[in-house]
Amino acid sequence: MGAWSLYLDNAWCGDDPQCAECPILPMCMGGCPHRHMVSGVRRCPWFKDDPDAYILAKTRAARKSRR
């Protein structure tokens, strides 16, 4: 299997039961496909436990980039 096919096979997280039930799936899309491809484990992003902090960080970053 080529590297691109392997990457695409690991990018989709819909078959992972933990991801399929997760409310933040639309934001994280299952984490880093490369990390999953190398380790075989999907890691949840830091903002899963604090989505408000994620939204605030994104808002601050967007405001900062407009200056």
N, C-alpha and C. Protein backbone atom coordinates (compact mmCIF):
# COMPACT_ATOMS: atom_id res chain seq x y z
N MET A 1 0.85 -1.18 0.00
CA MET A 1 0.00 0.00 0.00
C MET A 1 0.89 1.24 0.00
N GLY A 2 0.56 2.18 -0.82
CA GLY A 2 1.34 3.41 -0.90
C GLY A 2 1.13 4.30 0.31
N ALA A 3 2.04 5.25 0.49
CA ALA A 3 1.98 6.15 1.64
C ALA A 3 0.69 6.96 1.64
N TRP A 4 0.26 7.44 0.48
CA TRP A 4 -0.96 8.24 0.40
C TRP A 4 -2.18 7.41 0.79
N SER A 5 -2.27 6.19 0.31
CA SER A 5 -3.39 5.31 0.67
C SER A 5 -3.39 5.01 2.17
N LEU A 6 -2.22 4.76 2.72
CA LEU A 6 -2.10 4.49 4.15
C LEU A 6 -2.56 5.70 4.96
N TYR A 7 -2.15 6.88 4.53
CA TYR A 7 -2.56 8.12 5.20
C TYR A 7 -4.07 8.27 5.16
N LEU A 8 -4.66 8.09 3.99
CA LEU A 8 -6.10 8.25 3.86
C LEU A 8 -6.87 7.22 4.69
N ASP A 9 -6.36 6.01 4.75
CA ASP A 9 -7.01 4.98 5.57
C ASP A 9 -7.01 5.36 7.04
N ASN A 10 -5.98 6.06 7.48
CA ASN A 10 -5.88 6.45 8.88
C ASN A 10 -6.51 7.80 9.18
N ALA A 11 -6.82 8.57 8.16
CA ALA A 11 -7.41 9.89 8.36
C ALA A 11 -8.86 9.79 8.80
N TRP A 12 -9.59 8.85 8.28
CA TRP A 12 -11.01 8.74 8.60
C TRP A 12 -11.18 8.11 9.97
N CYS A 13 -11.94 8.76 10.83
CA CYS A 13 -12.11 8.29 12.21
C CYS A 13 -13.51 7.75 12.47
N GLY A 14 -14.35 7.73 11.47
CA GLY A 14 -15.73 7.29 11.66
C GLY A 14 -15.87 5.84 12.08
N ASP A 15 -14.87 5.02 11.81
CA ASP A 15 -14.94 3.61 12.21
C ASP A 15 -14.48 3.39 13.65
N ASP A 16 -13.89 4.39 14.26
CA ASP A 16 -13.42 4.29 15.65
C ASP A 16 -14.61 4.56 16.58
N PRO A 17 -15.00 3.59 17.41
CA PRO A 17 -16.19 3.77 18.27
C PRO A 17 -16.06 4.95 19.22
N GLN A 18 -14.86 5.22 19.72
CA GLN A 18 -14.67 6.35 20.63
C GLN A 18 -14.94 7.66 19.89
N CYS A 19 -14.44 7.77 18.68
CA CYS A 19 -14.63 9.00 17.91
C CYS A 19 -16.08 9.15 17.44
N ALA A 20 -16.68 8.05 17.04
CA ALA A 20 -18.05 8.11 16.50
C ALA A 20 -19.05 8.66 17.51
N GLU A 21 -18.80 8.45 18.79
CA GLU A 21 -19.71 8.91 19.84
C GLU A 21 -19.34 10.26 20.44
N CYS A 22 -18.23 10.82 20.00
CA CYS A 22 -17.70 12.04 20.62
C CYS A 22 -18.39 13.30 20.10
N PRO A 23 -18.80 14.20 21.01
CA PRO A 23 -19.48 15.42 20.58
C PRO A 23 -18.57 16.45 19.89
N ILE A 24 -17.25 16.34 20.07
CA ILE A 24 -16.36 17.32 19.42
C ILE A 24 -15.78 16.80 18.11
N LEU A 25 -16.23 15.66 17.65
CA LEU A 25 -15.71 15.08 16.41
C LEU A 25 -15.69 16.08 15.24
N PRO A 26 -16.73 16.87 15.05
CA PRO A 26 -16.66 17.82 13.92
C PRO A 26 -15.51 18.81 14.02
N MET A 27 -15.04 19.10 15.24
CA MET A 27 -13.93 20.05 15.41
C MET A 27 -12.57 19.39 15.25
N CYS A 28 -12.41 18.18 15.77
CA CYS A 28 -11.06 17.58 15.76
C CYS A 28 -10.86 16.60 14.61
N MET A 29 -11.91 16.05 14.07
CA MET A 29 -11.86 15.06 12.99
C MET A 29 -10.94 13.88 13.32
N GLY A 30 -10.93 13.50 14.59
CA GLY A 30 -10.20 12.29 14.98
C GLY A 30 -8.74 12.50 15.28
N GLY A 31 -8.31 13.73 15.36
CA GLY A 31 -6.90 13.99 15.69
C GLY A 31 -5.99 13.87 14.48
N CYS A 32 -4.74 13.71 14.75
CA CYS A 32 -3.71 13.69 13.71
C CYS A 32 -3.66 12.33 13.01
N PRO A 33 -3.96 12.25 11.71
CA PRO A 33 -3.90 10.98 11.01
C PRO A 33 -2.50 10.37 11.01
N HIS A 34 -1.47 11.22 10.95
CA HIS A 34 -0.10 10.70 10.95
C HIS A 34 0.21 10.01 12.27
N ARG A 35 -0.17 10.65 13.37
CA ARG A 35 0.07 10.06 14.69
C ARG A 35 -0.66 8.72 14.80
N HIS A 36 -1.88 8.66 14.30
CA HIS A 36 -2.64 7.41 14.35
C HIS A 36 -1.98 6.35 13.47
N MET A 37 -1.47 6.76 12.33
CA MET A 37 -0.82 5.83 11.41
C MET A 37 0.45 5.24 12.05
N VAL A 38 1.21 6.07 12.77
CA VAL A 38 2.46 5.63 13.36
C VAL A 38 2.24 4.82 14.63
N SER A 39 1.35 5.30 15.51
CA SER A 39 1.19 4.66 16.82
C SER A 39 0.00 3.71 16.89
N GLY A 40 -0.96 3.87 15.98
CA GLY A 40 -2.17 3.05 16.04
C GLY A 40 -3.17 3.53 17.06
N VAL A 41 -2.89 4.69 17.67
CA VAL A 41 -3.76 5.23 18.71
C VAL A 41 -4.20 6.63 18.32
N ARG A 42 -5.47 6.91 18.51
CA ARG A 42 -5.96 8.28 18.31
C ARG A 42 -5.92 8.98 19.66
N ARG A 43 -5.39 10.17 19.65
CA ARG A 43 -5.34 10.96 20.88
C ARG A 43 -6.33 12.10 20.77
N CYS A 44 -7.09 12.27 21.81
CA CYS A 44 -8.05 13.37 21.82
C CYS A 44 -7.30 14.69 22.01
N PRO A 45 -7.75 15.75 21.36
CA PRO A 45 -7.08 17.05 21.51
C PRO A 45 -7.33 17.63 22.90
N TRP A 46 -6.50 18.58 23.27
CA TRP A 46 -6.57 19.18 24.60
C TRP A 46 -7.92 19.82 24.86
N PHE A 47 -8.57 20.32 23.83
CA PHE A 47 -9.80 21.07 24.05
C PHE A 47 -11.04 20.20 24.27
N LYS A 48 -10.88 18.89 24.22
CA LYS A 48 -12.03 18.01 24.47
C LYS A 48 -12.58 18.24 25.88
N ASP A 49 -11.69 18.44 26.83
CA ASP A 49 -12.12 18.64 28.22
C ASP A 49 -12.49 20.08 28.53
N ASP A 50 -12.12 21.01 27.65
CA ASP A 50 -12.43 22.42 27.89
C ASP A 50 -12.70 23.13 26.56
N PRO A 51 -13.84 22.84 25.94
CA PRO A 51 -14.13 23.46 24.63
C PRO A 51 -14.25 24.97 24.68
N ASP A 52 -14.66 25.52 25.83
CA ASP A 52 -14.74 26.98 25.94
C ASP A 52 -13.37 27.63 25.80
N ALA A 53 -12.35 27.01 26.38
CA ALA A 53 -10.99 27.55 26.26
C ALA A 53 -10.53 27.52 24.80
N TYR A 54 -10.91 26.49 24.07
CA TYR A 54 -10.56 26.38 22.65
C TYR A 54 -11.19 27.52 21.86
N ILE A 55 -12.46 27.76 22.10
CA ILE A 55 -13.17 28.83 21.38
C ILE A 55 -12.55 30.18 21.71
N LEU A 56 -12.23 30.40 22.98
CA LEU A 56 -11.59 31.66 23.36
C LEU A 56 -10.22 31.81 22.72
N ALA A 57 -9.44 30.75 22.68
CA ALA A 57 -8.11 30.80 22.06
C ALA A 57 -8.22 31.10 20.58
N LYS A 58 -9.16 30.47 19.89
CA LYS A 58 -9.36 30.73 18.46
C LYS A 58 -9.81 32.16 18.22
N THR A 59 -10.68 32.66 19.08
CA THR A 59 -11.16 34.05 18.94
C THR A 59 -10.02 35.02 19.13
N ARG A 60 -9.20 34.79 20.15
CA ARG A 60 -8.03 35.67 20.39
C ARG A 60 -7.07 35.64 19.21
N ALA A 61 -6.83 34.46 18.69
CA ALA A 61 -5.91 34.33 17.55
C ALA A 61 -6.46 35.05 16.32
N ALA A 62 -7.75 34.94 16.09
CA ALA A 62 -8.36 35.61 14.94
C ALA A 62 -8.27 37.13 15.10
N ARG A 63 -8.53 37.62 16.28
CA ARG A 63 -8.44 39.07 16.53
C ARG A 63 -7.01 39.56 16.37
N LYS A 64 -6.06 38.77 16.85
CA LYS A 64 -4.66 39.16 16.76
C LYS A 64 -4.18 39.21 15.32
N SER A 65 -4.67 38.29 14.50
CA SER A 65 -4.24 38.26 13.09
C SER A 65 -4.83 39.41 12.27
N ARG A 66 -5.88 40.03 12.76
CA ARG A 66 -6.49 41.15 12.04
C ARG A 66 -5.75 42.45 12.26
N ARG A 67 -4.91 42.50 13.28
CA ARG A 67 -4.21 43.77 13.61
C ARG A 67 -3.11 44.04 12.66
